[in-house]
C-alpha cells in the first residue's frame, strides 16, 4: 500500500499539528539544532556502515535508513516552523540558485566522468 505524496508545506502543517496535540510545545531553536545534529549523526552512522568501510555493530542492525532520514527531516521541519521558513518557497529558491550557479559546473567536472 502506498501513501500519497506529501508536499513540504503539508509536512510542515502535519508536524505543527502533531506538536500542538502531542508535544506540548516546540523545543527551543537551540535544543532543536542540537537534536538535528544528533539525528544527522545517527544517519551518518548507518550510511558509514551500509555504504562505507565500517562494520555493523549488533545495535546498528535494527536501524532503518529511511527512518533515520525522516528523523532528520522532522527536526528540520520543526526548525523551519519555529523560524517562519516556508520550505516550499525556500527549496524552490535554492533549486533556482543551484541551477543558475551550477548549470554547467558539474558537466565539465572531469572527476565525475
PDB file of N, CA and C in Angstrom:
ATOM      1  N   UNK A   1       0.845  -1.176   0.000  1.00  0.00           N
ATOM      2  CA  UNK A   1       0.000   0.000   0.000  1.00  0.00           C
ATOM      3  C   UNK A   1       0.893   1.243   0.000  1.00  0.00           C
ATOM      4  N   UNK A   2       0.691   2.125  -0.943  1.00  0.00           N
ATOM      5  CA  UNK A   2       1.482   3.352  -0.994  1.00  0.00           C
ATOM      6  C   UNK A   2       0.661   4.515  -0.463  1.00  0.00           C
ATOM      7  N   UNK A   3       1.351   5.435   0.131  1.00  0.00           N
ATOM      8  CA  UNK A   3       0.685   6.623   0.640  1.00  0.00           C
ATOM      9  C   UNK A   3       0.851   7.745  -0.371  1.00  0.00           C
ATOM     10  N   UNK A   4      -0.117   8.649  -0.421  1.00  0.00           N
ATOM     11  CA  UNK A   4       0.023   9.755  -1.376  1.00  0.00           C
ATOM     12  C   UNK A   4       1.186  10.654  -0.982  1.00  0.00           C
ATOM     13  N   UNK A   5       1.812  11.288  -1.960  1.00  0.00           N
ATOM     14  CA  UNK A   5       2.943  12.166  -1.644  1.00  0.00           C
ATOM     15  C   UNK A   5       2.499  13.339  -0.770  1.00  0.00           C
ATOM     16  N   UNK A   6       3.412  13.795   0.051  1.00  0.00           N
ATOM     17  CA  UNK A   6       3.151  14.943   0.918  1.00  0.00           C
ATOM     18  C   UNK A   6       4.070  16.070   0.462  1.00  0.00           C
ATOM     19  N   UNK A   7       3.498  17.215   0.210  1.00  0.00           N
ATOM     20  CA  UNK A   7       4.295  18.386  -0.141  1.00  0.00           C
ATOM     21  C   UNK A   7       4.916  18.967   1.123  1.00  0.00           C
ATOM     22  N   UNK A   8       5.984  19.725   0.958  1.00  0.00           N
ATOM     23  CA  UNK A   8       6.685  20.271   2.118  1.00  0.00           C
ATOM     24  C   UNK A   8       5.777  21.109   3.001  1.00  0.00           C
ATOM     25  N   UNK A   9       4.914  21.921   2.400  1.00  0.00           N
ATOM     26  CA  UNK A   9       4.024  22.736   3.228  1.00  0.00           C
ATOM     27  C   UNK A   9       3.049  21.863   4.006  1.00  0.00           C
ATOM     28  N   UNK A  10       2.606  20.762   3.429  1.00  0.00           N
ATOM     29  CA  UNK A  10       1.732  19.827   4.147  1.00  0.00           C
ATOM     30  C   UNK A  10       2.493  19.160   5.286  1.00  0.00           C
ATOM     31  N   UNK A  11       3.760  18.811   5.041  1.00  0.00           N
ATOM     32  CA  UNK A  11       4.586  18.215   6.094  1.00  0.00           C
ATOM     33  C   UNK A  11       4.749  19.207   7.243  1.00  0.00           C
ATOM     34  N   UNK A  12       4.960  20.480   6.910  1.00  0.00           N
ATOM     35  CA  UNK A  12       5.098  21.494   7.947  1.00  0.00           C
ATOM     36  C   UNK A  12       3.812  21.596   8.772  1.00  0.00           C
ATOM     37  N   UNK A  13       2.670  21.529   8.119  1.00  0.00           N
ATOM     38  CA  UNK A  13       1.393  21.582   8.829  1.00  0.00           C
ATOM     39  C   UNK A  13       1.188  20.339   9.697  1.00  0.00           C
ATOM     40  N   UNK A  14       1.550  19.174   9.172  1.00  0.00           N
ATOM     41  CA  UNK A  14       1.407  17.928   9.944  1.00  0.00           C
ATOM     42  C   UNK A  14       2.277  17.946  11.196  1.00  0.00           C
ATOM     43  N   UNK A  15       3.522  18.386  11.058  1.00  0.00           N
ATOM     44  CA  UNK A  15       4.418  18.453  12.216  1.00  0.00           C
ATOM     45  C   UNK A  15       3.872  19.442  13.237  1.00  0.00           C
ATOM     46  N   UNK A  16       3.427  20.599  12.774  1.00  0.00           N
ATOM     47  CA  UNK A  16       2.895  21.606  13.692  1.00  0.00           C
ATOM     48  C   UNK A  16       1.673  21.076  14.444  1.00  0.00           C
ATOM     49  N   UNK A  17       0.776  20.408  13.738  1.00  0.00           N
ATOM     50  CA  UNK A  17      -0.412  19.843  14.385  1.00  0.00           C
ATOM     51  C   UNK A  17      -0.022  18.771  15.394  1.00  0.00           C
ATOM     52  N   UNK A  18       0.970  17.938  15.055  1.00  0.00           N
ATOM     53  CA  UNK A  18       1.414  16.893  15.978  1.00  0.00           C
ATOM     54  C   UNK A  18       2.007  17.510  17.242  1.00  0.00           C
ATOM     55  N   UNK A  19       2.848  18.527  17.055  1.00  0.00           N
ATOM     56  CA  UNK A  19       3.466  19.192  18.205  1.00  0.00           C
ATOM     57  C   UNK A  19       2.385  19.765  19.112  1.00  0.00           C
ATOM     58  N   UNK A  20       1.394  20.425  18.537  1.00  0.00           N
ATOM     59  CA  UNK A  20       0.327  21.043  19.334  1.00  0.00           C
ATOM     60  C   UNK A  20      -0.529  20.006  20.048  1.00  0.00           C
ATOM     61  N   UNK A  21      -0.701  18.829  19.438  1.00  0.00           N
ATOM     62  CA  UNK A  21      -1.541  17.785  20.051  1.00  0.00           C
ATOM     63  C   UNK A  21      -0.764  16.903  21.020  1.00  0.00           C
ATOM     64  N   UNK A  22       0.472  16.532  20.666  1.00  0.00           N
ATOM     65  CA  UNK A  22       1.210  15.533  21.445  1.00  0.00           C
ATOM     66  C   UNK A  22       2.492  16.051  22.092  1.00  0.00           C
ATOM     67  N   UNK A  23       3.037  17.112  21.583  1.00  0.00           N
ATOM     68  CA  UNK A  23       4.371  17.521  22.006  1.00  0.00           C
ATOM     69  C   UNK A  23       4.415  18.648  23.022  1.00  0.00           C
ATOM     70  N   UNK A  24       3.283  19.130  23.459  1.00  0.00           N
ATOM     71  CA  UNK A  24       3.153  20.244  24.393  1.00  0.00           C
ATOM     72  C   UNK A  24       3.576  21.551  23.724  1.00  0.00           C
ATOM     73  N   UNK A  25       4.839  21.634  23.281  1.00  0.00           N
ATOM     74  CA  UNK A  25       5.366  22.806  22.568  1.00  0.00           C
ATOM     75  C   UNK A  25       6.632  22.388  21.843  1.00  0.00           C
ATOM     76  N   UNK A  26       7.095  23.250  20.970  1.00  0.00           N
ATOM     77  CA  UNK A  26       8.385  23.005  20.320  1.00  0.00           C
ATOM     78  C   UNK A  26       9.488  23.162  21.361  1.00  0.00           C
ATOM     79  N   UNK A  27      10.534  22.353  21.251  1.00  0.00           N
ATOM     80  CA  UNK A  27      11.755  22.644  21.989  1.00  0.00           C
ATOM     81  C   UNK A  27      12.289  23.960  21.430  1.00  0.00           C
ATOM     82  N   UNK A  28      13.095  24.676  22.194  1.00  0.00           N
ATOM     83  CA  UNK A  28      13.618  25.930  21.643  1.00  0.00           C
ATOM     84  C   UNK A  28      14.556  25.639  20.473  1.00  0.00           C
ATOM     85  N   UNK A  29      14.859  26.681  19.724  1.00  0.00           N
ATOM     86  CA  UNK A  29      15.629  26.529  18.494  1.00  0.00           C
ATOM     87  C   UNK A  29      17.008  25.929  18.734  1.00  0.00           C
ATOM     88  N   UNK A  30      17.664  26.333  19.804  1.00  0.00           N
ATOM     89  CA  UNK A  30      18.998  25.777  20.074  1.00  0.00           C
ATOM     90  C   UNK A  30      18.920  24.293  20.427  1.00  0.00           C
ATOM     91  N   UNK A  31      17.912  23.914  21.183  1.00  0.00           N
ATOM     92  CA  UNK A  31      17.730  22.491  21.501  1.00  0.00           C
ATOM     93  C   UNK A  31      17.451  21.711  20.229  1.00  0.00           C
ATOM     94  N   UNK A  32      16.573  22.240  19.382  1.00  0.00           N
ATOM     95  CA  UNK A  32      16.279  21.537  18.129  1.00  0.00           C
ATOM     96  C   UNK A  32      17.489  21.471  17.217  1.00  0.00           C
ATOM     97  N   UNK A  33      18.341  22.485  17.247  1.00  0.00           N
ATOM     98  CA  UNK A  33      19.568  22.428  16.444  1.00  0.00           C
ATOM     99  C   UNK A  33      20.463  21.295  16.941  1.00  0.00           C
ATOM    100  N   UNK A  34      20.580  21.162  18.251  1.00  0.00           N
ATOM    101  CA  UNK A  34      21.376  20.064  18.816  1.00  0.00           C
ATOM    102  C   UNK A  34      20.755  18.711  18.466  1.00  0.00           C
ATOM    103  N   UNK A  35      19.437  18.617  18.524  1.00  0.00           N
ATOM    104  CA  UNK A  35      18.749  17.371  18.168  1.00  0.00           C
ATOM    105  C   UNK A  35      18.981  17.056  16.688  1.00  0.00           C
ATOM    106  N   UNK A  36      18.947  18.089  15.837  1.00  0.00           N
ATOM    107  CA  UNK A  36      19.208  17.880  14.414  1.00  0.00           C
ATOM    108  C   UNK A  36      20.594  17.286  14.193  1.00  0.00           C
ATOM    109  N   UNK A  37      21.578  17.820  14.890  1.00  0.00           N
ATOM    110  CA  UNK A  37      22.946  17.297  14.752  1.00  0.00           C
ATOM    111  C   UNK A  37      23.019  15.848  15.233  1.00  0.00           C
ATOM    112  N   UNK A  38      22.303  15.547  16.310  1.00  0.00           N
ATOM    113  CA  UNK A  38      22.259  14.170  16.814  1.00  0.00           C
ATOM    114  C   UNK A  38      21.656  13.239  15.767  1.00  0.00           C
ATOM    115  N   UNK A  39      20.553  13.669  15.165  1.00  0.00           N
ATOM    116  CA  UNK A  39      19.890  12.838  14.155  1.00  0.00           C
ATOM    117  C   UNK A  39      20.765  12.673  12.908  1.00  0.00           C
ATOM    118  N   UNK A  40      21.451  13.732  12.490  1.00  0.00           N
ATOM    119  CA  UNK A  40      22.365  13.632  11.350  1.00  0.00           C
ATOM    120  C   UNK A  40      23.487  12.648  11.675  1.00  0.00           C
ATOM    121  N   UNK A  41      23.960  12.670  12.917  1.00  0.00           N
ATOM    122  CA  UNK A  41      24.987  11.721  13.337  1.00  0.00           C
ATOM    123  C   UNK A  41      24.508  10.282  13.253  1.00  0.00           C
ATOM    124  N   UNK A  42      23.269  10.048  13.660  1.00  0.00           N
ATOM    125  CA  UNK A  42      22.712   8.693  13.568  1.00  0.00           C
ATOM    126  C   UNK A  42      22.596   8.261  12.108  1.00  0.00           C
ATOM    127  N   UNK A  43      22.185   9.169  11.244  1.00  0.00           N
ATOM    128  CA  UNK A  43      22.107   8.869   9.814  1.00  0.00           C
ATOM    129  C   UNK A  43      23.496   8.565   9.256  1.00  0.00           C
ATOM    130  N   UNK A  44      24.481   9.374   9.634  1.00  0.00           N
ATOM    131  CA  UNK A  44      25.856   9.157   9.170  1.00  0.00           C
ATOM    132  C   UNK A  44      26.376   7.801   9.624  1.00  0.00           C
ATOM    133  N   UNK A  45      26.039   7.423  10.835  1.00  0.00           N
ATOM    134  CA  UNK A  45      26.492   6.134  11.373  1.00  0.00           C
ATOM    135  C   UNK A  45      25.976   4.973  10.511  1.00  0.00           C
ATOM    136  N   UNK A  46      24.708   5.005  10.151  1.00  0.00           N
ATOM    137  CA  UNK A  46      24.128   3.928   9.349  1.00  0.00           C
ATOM    138  C   UNK A  46      24.725   3.936   7.936  1.00  0.00           C
ATOM    139  N   UNK A  47      24.873   5.126   7.340  1.00  0.00           N
ATOM    140  CA  UNK A  47      25.446   5.205   5.995  1.00  0.00           C
ATOM    141  C   UNK A  47      26.894   4.723   5.993  1.00  0.00           C
ATOM    142  N   UNK A  48      27.655   5.076   7.030  1.00  0.00           N
ATOM    143  CA  UNK A  48      29.058   4.652   7.061  1.00  0.00           C
ATOM    144  C   UNK A  48      29.185   3.138   7.196  1.00  0.00           C
ATOM    145  N   UNK A  49      28.197   2.526   7.797  1.00  0.00           N
ATOM    146  CA  UNK A  49      28.224   1.076   7.937  1.00  0.00           C
ATOM    147  C   UNK A  49      27.660   0.374   6.713  1.00  0.00           C
ATOM    148  N   UNK A  50      26.605   0.951   6.132  1.00  0.00           N
ATOM    149  CA  UNK A  50      25.978   0.310   4.976  1.00  0.00           C
ATOM    150  C   UNK A  50      26.777   0.528   3.695  1.00  0.00           C
ATOM    151  N   UNK A  51      27.309   1.725   3.501  1.00  0.00           N
ATOM    152  CA  UNK A  51      27.993   2.046   2.251  1.00  0.00           C
ATOM    153  C   UNK A  51      29.492   2.274   2.419  1.00  0.00           C
ATOM    154  N   UNK A  52      29.932   2.473   3.637  1.00  0.00           N
ATOM    155  CA  UNK A  52      31.339   2.711   3.909  1.00  0.00           C
ATOM    156  C   UNK A  52      32.042   1.452   4.358  1.00  0.00           C
ATOM    157  N   UNK A  53      33.153   1.646   5.005  1.00  0.00           N
ATOM    158  CA  UNK A  53      34.014   0.526   5.363  1.00  0.00           C
ATOM    159  C   UNK A  53      33.834   0.036   6.780  1.00  0.00           C
ATOM    160  N   UNK A  54      33.022   0.736   7.578  1.00  0.00           N
ATOM    161  CA  UNK A  54      32.808   0.272   8.945  1.00  0.00           C
ATOM    162  C   UNK A  54      31.868  -0.924   8.956  1.00  0.00           C
ATOM    163  N   UNK A  55      32.085  -1.819   9.896  1.00  0.00           N
ATOM    164  CA  UNK A  55      31.201  -2.970  10.040  1.00  0.00           C
ATOM    165  C   UNK A  55      30.058  -2.618  10.986  1.00  0.00           C
ATOM    166  N   UNK A  56      28.949  -3.305  10.802  1.00  0.00           N
ATOM    167  CA  UNK A  56      27.796  -3.095  11.655  1.00  0.00           C
ATOM    168  C   UNK A  56      28.049  -3.663  13.041  1.00  0.00           C
ATOM    169  N   UNK A  57      27.622  -2.925  14.049  1.00  0.00           N
ATOM    170  CA  UNK A  57      27.530  -3.468  15.396  1.00  0.00           C
ATOM    171  C   UNK A  57      26.136  -4.065  15.508  1.00  0.00           C
ATOM    172  N   UNK A  58      25.946  -4.953  16.432  1.00  0.00           N
ATOM    173  CA  UNK A  58      24.637  -5.574  16.602  1.00  0.00           C
ATOM    174  C   UNK A  58      23.552  -4.523  16.802  1.00  0.00           C
ATOM    175  N   UNK A  59      23.865  -3.469  17.556  1.00  0.00           N
ATOM    176  CA  UNK A  59      22.872  -2.428  17.830  1.00  0.00           C
ATOM    177  C   UNK A  59      22.549  -1.574  16.604  1.00  0.00           C
ATOM    178  N   UNK A  60      23.413  -1.592  15.591  1.00  0.00           N
ATOM    179  CA  UNK A  60      23.175  -0.814  14.376  1.00  0.00           C
ATOM    180  C   UNK A  60      22.221  -1.517  13.416  1.00  0.00           C
ATOM    181  N   UNK A  61      22.136  -2.806  13.513  1.00  0.00           N
ATOM    182  CA  UNK A  61      21.408  -3.591  12.522  1.00  0.00           C
ATOM    183  C   UNK A  61      19.910  -3.310  12.520  1.00  0.00           C
ATOM    184  N   UNK A  62      19.382  -2.816  13.632  1.00  0.00           N
ATOM    185  CA  UNK A  62      17.949  -2.572  13.718  1.00  0.00           C
ATOM    186  C   UNK A  62      17.540  -1.231  13.106  1.00  0.00           C
ATOM    187  N   UNK A  63      18.504  -0.382  12.795  1.00  0.00           N
ATOM    188  CA  UNK A  63      18.190   0.947  12.282  1.00  0.00           C
ATOM    189  C   UNK A  63      17.793   0.884  10.816  1.00  0.00           C
ATOM    190  N   UNK A  64      16.819   1.694  10.466  1.00  0.00           N
ATOM    191  CA  UNK A  64      16.302   1.780   9.109  1.00  0.00           C
ATOM    192  C   UNK A  64      16.751   3.107   8.503  1.00  0.00           C
ATOM    193  N   UNK A  65      17.406   3.063   7.361  1.00  0.00           N
ATOM    194  CA  UNK A  65      17.964   4.248   6.738  1.00  0.00           C
ATOM    195  C   UNK A  65      16.881   5.295   6.452  1.00  0.00           C
ATOM    196  N   UNK A  66      15.762   4.870   5.911  1.00  0.00           N
ATOM    197  CA  UNK A  66      14.663   5.795   5.617  1.00  0.00           C
ATOM    198  C   UNK A  66      14.124   6.449   6.868  1.00  0.00           C
ATOM    199  N   UNK A  67      14.015   5.681   7.934  1.00  0.00           N
ATOM    200  CA  UNK A  67      13.534   6.228   9.198  1.00  0.00           C
ATOM    201  C   UNK A  67      14.508   7.258   9.752  1.00  0.00           C
ATOM    202  N   UNK A  68      15.804   6.984   9.607  1.00  0.00           N
ATOM    203  CA  UNK A  68      16.813   7.941  10.079  1.00  0.00           C
ATOM    204  C   UNK A  68      16.742   9.236   9.272  1.00  0.00           C
ATOM    205  N   UNK A  69      16.529   9.121   7.959  1.00  0.00           N
ATOM    206  CA  UNK A  69      16.380  10.318   7.134  1.00  0.00           C
ATOM    207  C   UNK A  69      15.125  11.097   7.530  1.00  0.00           C
ATOM    208  N   UNK A  70      14.042  10.376   7.811  1.00  0.00           N
ATOM    209  CA  UNK A  70      12.803  11.035   8.233  1.00  0.00           C
ATOM    210  C   UNK A  70      12.983  11.745   9.572  1.00  0.00           C
ATOM    211  N   UNK A  71      13.788  11.184  10.477  1.00  0.00           N
ATOM    212  CA  UNK A  71      14.077  11.869  11.743  1.00  0.00           C
ATOM    213  C   UNK A  71      14.768  13.208  11.496  1.00  0.00           C
ATOM    214  N   UNK A  72      15.716  13.224  10.559  1.00  0.00           N
ATOM    215  CA  UNK A  72      16.414  14.469  10.209  1.00  0.00           C
ATOM    216  C   UNK A  72      15.406  15.465   9.638  1.00  0.00           C
ATOM    217  N   UNK A  73      14.564  15.002   8.730  1.00  0.00           N
ATOM    218  CA  UNK A  73      13.561  15.867   8.108  1.00  0.00           C
ATOM    219  C   UNK A  73      12.596  16.428   9.147  1.00  0.00           C
ATOM    220  N   UNK A  74      12.170  15.593  10.080  1.00  0.00           N
ATOM    221  CA  UNK A  74      11.244  16.019  11.141  1.00  0.00           C
ATOM    222  C   UNK A  74      11.802  17.216  11.911  1.00  0.00           C
ATOM    223  N   UNK A  75      13.036  17.100  12.364  1.00  0.00           N
ATOM    224  CA  UNK A  75      13.616  18.177  13.176  1.00  0.00           C
ATOM    225  C   UNK A  75      13.862  19.406  12.309  1.00  0.00           C
ATOM    226  N   UNK A  76      14.272  19.213  11.060  1.00  0.00           N
ATOM    227  CA  UNK A  76      14.455  20.335  10.158  1.00  0.00           C
ATOM    228  C   UNK A  76      13.130  21.075   9.947  1.00  0.00           C
ATOM    229  N   UNK A  77      12.046  20.333   9.818  1.00  0.00           N
ATOM    230  CA  UNK A  77      10.724  20.943   9.682  1.00  0.00           C
ATOM    231  C   UNK A  77      10.355  21.701  10.951  1.00  0.00           C
ATOM    232  N   UNK A  78      10.667  21.140  12.109  1.00  0.00           N
ATOM    233  CA  UNK A  78      10.414  21.863  13.363  1.00  0.00           C
ATOM    234  C   UNK A  78      11.125  23.208  13.357  1.00  0.00           C
ATOM    235  N   UNK A  79      12.394  23.212  12.963  1.00  0.00           N
ATOM    236  CA  UNK A  79      13.160  24.457  12.921  1.00  0.00           C
ATOM    237  C   UNK A  79      12.575  25.434  11.905  1.00  0.00           C
ATOM    238  N   UNK A  80      12.140  24.947  10.775  1.00  0.00           N
ATOM    239  CA  UNK A  80      11.514  25.816   9.773  1.00  0.00           C
ATOM    240  C   UNK A  80      10.239  26.433  10.340  1.00  0.00           C
ATOM    241  N   UNK A  81       9.428  25.627  10.979  1.00  0.00           N
ATOM    242  CA  UNK A  81       8.193  26.140  11.571  1.00  0.00           C
ATOM    243  C   UNK A  81       8.484  27.212  12.618  1.00  0.00           C
ATOM    244  N   UNK A  82       9.454  26.950  13.456  1.00  0.00           N
ATOM    245  CA  UNK A  82       9.791  27.877  14.527  1.00  0.00           C
ATOM    246  C   UNK A  82      10.329  29.209  14.025  1.00  0.00           C
ATOM    247  N   UNK A  83      11.022  29.181  12.907  1.00  0.00           N
ATOM    248  CA  UNK A  83      11.693  30.375  12.414  1.00  0.00           C
ATOM    249  C   UNK A  83      10.937  31.035  11.258  1.00  0.00           C
ATOM    250  N   UNK A  84       9.748  30.523  10.956  1.00  0.00           N
ATOM    251  CA  UNK A  84       8.904  31.143   9.940  1.00  0.00           C
ATOM    252  C   UNK A  84       9.353  30.898   8.510  1.00  0.00           C
ATOM    253  N   UNK A  85      10.040  29.801   8.272  1.00  0.00           N
ATOM    254  CA  UNK A  85      10.514  29.471   6.925  1.00  0.00           C
ATOM    255  C   UNK A  85       9.479  28.599   6.219  1.00  0.00           C
ATOM    256  N   UNK A  86       9.083  29.014   5.031  1.00  0.00           N
ATOM    257  CA  UNK A  86       8.232  28.214   4.159  1.00  0.00           C
ATOM    258  C   UNK A  86       9.174  27.339   3.338  1.00  0.00           C
ATOM    259  N   UNK A  87       9.212  26.050   3.648  1.00  0.00           N
ATOM    260  CA  UNK A  87      10.175  25.165   2.979  1.00  0.00           C
ATOM    261  C   UNK A  87       9.909  25.014   1.486  1.00  0.00           C
ATOM    262  N   UNK A  88       8.655  25.075   1.057  1.00  0.00           N
ATOM    263  CA  UNK A  88       8.375  25.032  -0.387  1.00  0.00           C
ATOM    264  C   UNK A  88       9.070  26.197  -1.077  1.00  0.00           C
ATOM    265  N   UNK A  89       8.884  27.385  -0.541  1.00  0.00           N
ATOM    266  CA  UNK A  89       9.482  28.584  -1.128  1.00  0.00           C
ATOM    267  C   UNK A  89      11.008  28.541  -1.044  1.00  0.00           C
ATOM    268  N   UNK A  90      11.524  28.171   0.110  1.00  0.00           N
ATOM    269  CA  UNK A  90      12.977  28.118   0.295  1.00  0.00           C
ATOM    270  C   UNK A  90      13.609  27.102  -0.646  1.00  0.00           C
ATOM    271  N   UNK A  91      12.980  25.941  -0.809  1.00  0.00           N
ATOM    272  CA  UNK A  91      13.526  24.908  -1.682  1.00  0.00           C
ATOM    273  C   UNK A  91      13.491  25.356  -3.142  1.00  0.00           C
ATOM    274  N   UNK A  92      12.383  25.972  -3.558  1.00  0.00           N
ATOM    275  CA  UNK A  92      12.280  26.449  -4.938  1.00  0.00           C
ATOM    276  C   UNK A  92      13.369  27.486  -5.227  1.00  0.00           C
ATOM    277  N   UNK A  93      13.579  28.412  -4.302  1.00  0.00           N
ATOM    278  CA  UNK A  93      14.632  29.417  -4.473  1.00  0.00           C
ATOM    279  C   UNK A  93      16.007  28.757  -4.520  1.00  0.00           C
ATOM    280  N   UNK A  94      16.220  27.745  -3.691  1.00  0.00           N
ATOM    281  CA  UNK A  94      17.507  27.070  -3.648  1.00  0.00           C
ATOM    282  C   UNK A  94      17.775  26.320  -4.948  1.00  0.00           C
ATOM    283  N   UNK A  95      16.743  25.681  -5.499  1.00  0.00           N
ATOM    284  CA  UNK A  95      16.903  24.972  -6.773  1.00  0.00           C
ATOM    285  C   UNK A  95      17.255  25.959  -7.884  1.00  0.00           C
ATOM    286  N   UNK A  96      16.603  27.109  -7.886  1.00  0.00           N
ATOM    287  CA  UNK A  96      16.894  28.124  -8.890  1.00  0.00           C
ATOM    288  C   UNK A  96      18.332  28.614  -8.752  1.00  0.00           C
ATOM    289  N   UNK A  97      18.757  28.863  -7.517  1.00  0.00           N
ATOM    290  CA  UNK A  97      20.133  29.308  -7.268  1.00  0.00           C
ATOM    291  C   UNK A  97      21.131  28.279  -7.782  1.00  0.00           C
ATOM    292  N   UNK A  98      20.910  27.020  -7.439  1.00  0.00           N
ATOM    293  CA  UNK A  98      21.822  25.957  -7.872  1.00  0.00           C
ATOM    294  C   UNK A  98      21.844  25.838  -9.399  1.00  0.00           C
ATOM    295  N   UNK A  99      20.676  25.967 -10.008  1.00  0.00           N
ATOM    296  CA  UNK A  99      20.584  25.835 -11.455  1.00  0.00           C
ATOM    297  C   UNK A  99      21.336  26.960 -12.149  1.00  0.00           C
ATOM    298  N   UNK A 100      21.154  28.178 -11.666  1.00  0.00           N
ATOM    299  CA  UNK A 100      21.863  29.312 -12.273  1.00  0.00           C
ATOM    300  C   UNK A 100      23.369  29.221 -12.029  1.00  0.00           C
ATOM    301  N   UNK A 101      23.757  28.871 -10.840  1.00  0.00           N
ATOM    302  CA  UNK A 101      25.176  28.863 -10.476  1.00  0.00           C
ATOM    303  C   UNK A 101      25.913  27.652 -11.052  1.00  0.00           C
ATOM    304  N   UNK A 102      25.267  26.507 -11.051  1.00  0.00           N
ATOM    305  CA  UNK A 102      25.972  25.252 -11.343  1.00  0.00           C
ATOM    306  C   UNK A 102      25.485  24.540 -12.606  1.00  0.00           C
ATOM    307  N   UNK A 103      24.768  25.233 -13.493  1.00  0.00           N
ATOM    308  CA  UNK A 103      24.160  24.523 -14.622  1.00  0.00           C
ATOM    309  C   UNK A 103      25.173  23.865 -15.559  1.00  0.00           C
ATOM    310  N   UNK A 104      26.423  24.313 -15.560  1.00  0.00           N
ATOM    311  CA  UNK A 104      27.461  23.683 -16.382  1.00  0.00           C
ATOM    312  C   UNK A 104      28.604  23.118 -15.543  1.00  0.00           C
ATOM    313  N   UNK A 105      28.683  23.553 -14.329  1.00  0.00           N
ATOM    314  CA  UNK A 105      29.837  23.222 -13.475  1.00  0.00           C
ATOM    315  C   UNK A 105      30.104  21.720 -13.386  1.00  0.00           C
ATOM    316  N   UNK A 106      29.084  20.953 -13.099  1.00  0.00           N
ATOM    317  CA  UNK A 106      29.287  19.510 -12.899  1.00  0.00           C
ATOM    318  C   UNK A 106      29.454  18.768 -14.226  1.00  0.00           C
ATOM    319  N   UNK A 107      28.862  19.305 -15.293  1.00  0.00           N
ATOM    320  CA  UNK A 107      29.018  18.683 -16.610  1.00  0.00           C
ATOM    321  C   UNK A 107      30.460  18.729 -17.074  1.00  0.00           C
ATOM    322  N   UNK A 108      31.189  19.731 -16.628  1.00  0.00           N
ATOM    323  CA  UNK A 108      32.577  19.908 -17.042  1.00  0.00           C
ATOM    324  C   UNK A 108      33.583  19.388 -16.007  1.00  0.00           C
ATOM    325  N   UNK A 109      33.108  18.699 -15.011  1.00  0.00           N
ATOM    326  CA  UNK A 109      33.984  18.192 -13.942  1.00  0.00           C
ATOM    327  C   UNK A 109      34.554  16.835 -14.360  1.00  0.00           C
ATOM    328  N   UNK A 110      35.833  16.805 -14.660  1.00  0.00           N
ATOM    329  CA  UNK A 110      36.484  15.558 -15.088  1.00  0.00           C
ATOM    330  C   UNK A 110      36.427  14.474 -14.011  1.00  0.00           C
ATOM    331  N   UNK A 111      36.337  14.877 -12.756  1.00  0.00           N
ATOM    332  CA  UNK A 111      36.281  13.902 -11.657  1.00  0.00           C
ATOM    333  C   UNK A 111      34.993  13.088 -11.682  1.00  0.00           C
ATOM    334  N   UNK A 112      33.968  13.601 -12.330  1.00  0.00           N
ATOM    335  CA  UNK A 112      32.669  12.918 -12.362  1.00  0.00           C
ATOM    336  C   UNK A 112      32.492  12.041 -13.584  1.00  0.00           C
ATOM    337  N   UNK A 113      33.465  12.040 -14.470  1.00  0.00           N
ATOM    338  CA  UNK A 113      33.326  11.239 -15.714  1.00  0.00           C
ATOM    339  C   UNK A 113      33.938   9.888 -15.565  1.00  0.00           C
TER     340      UNK A 113
END
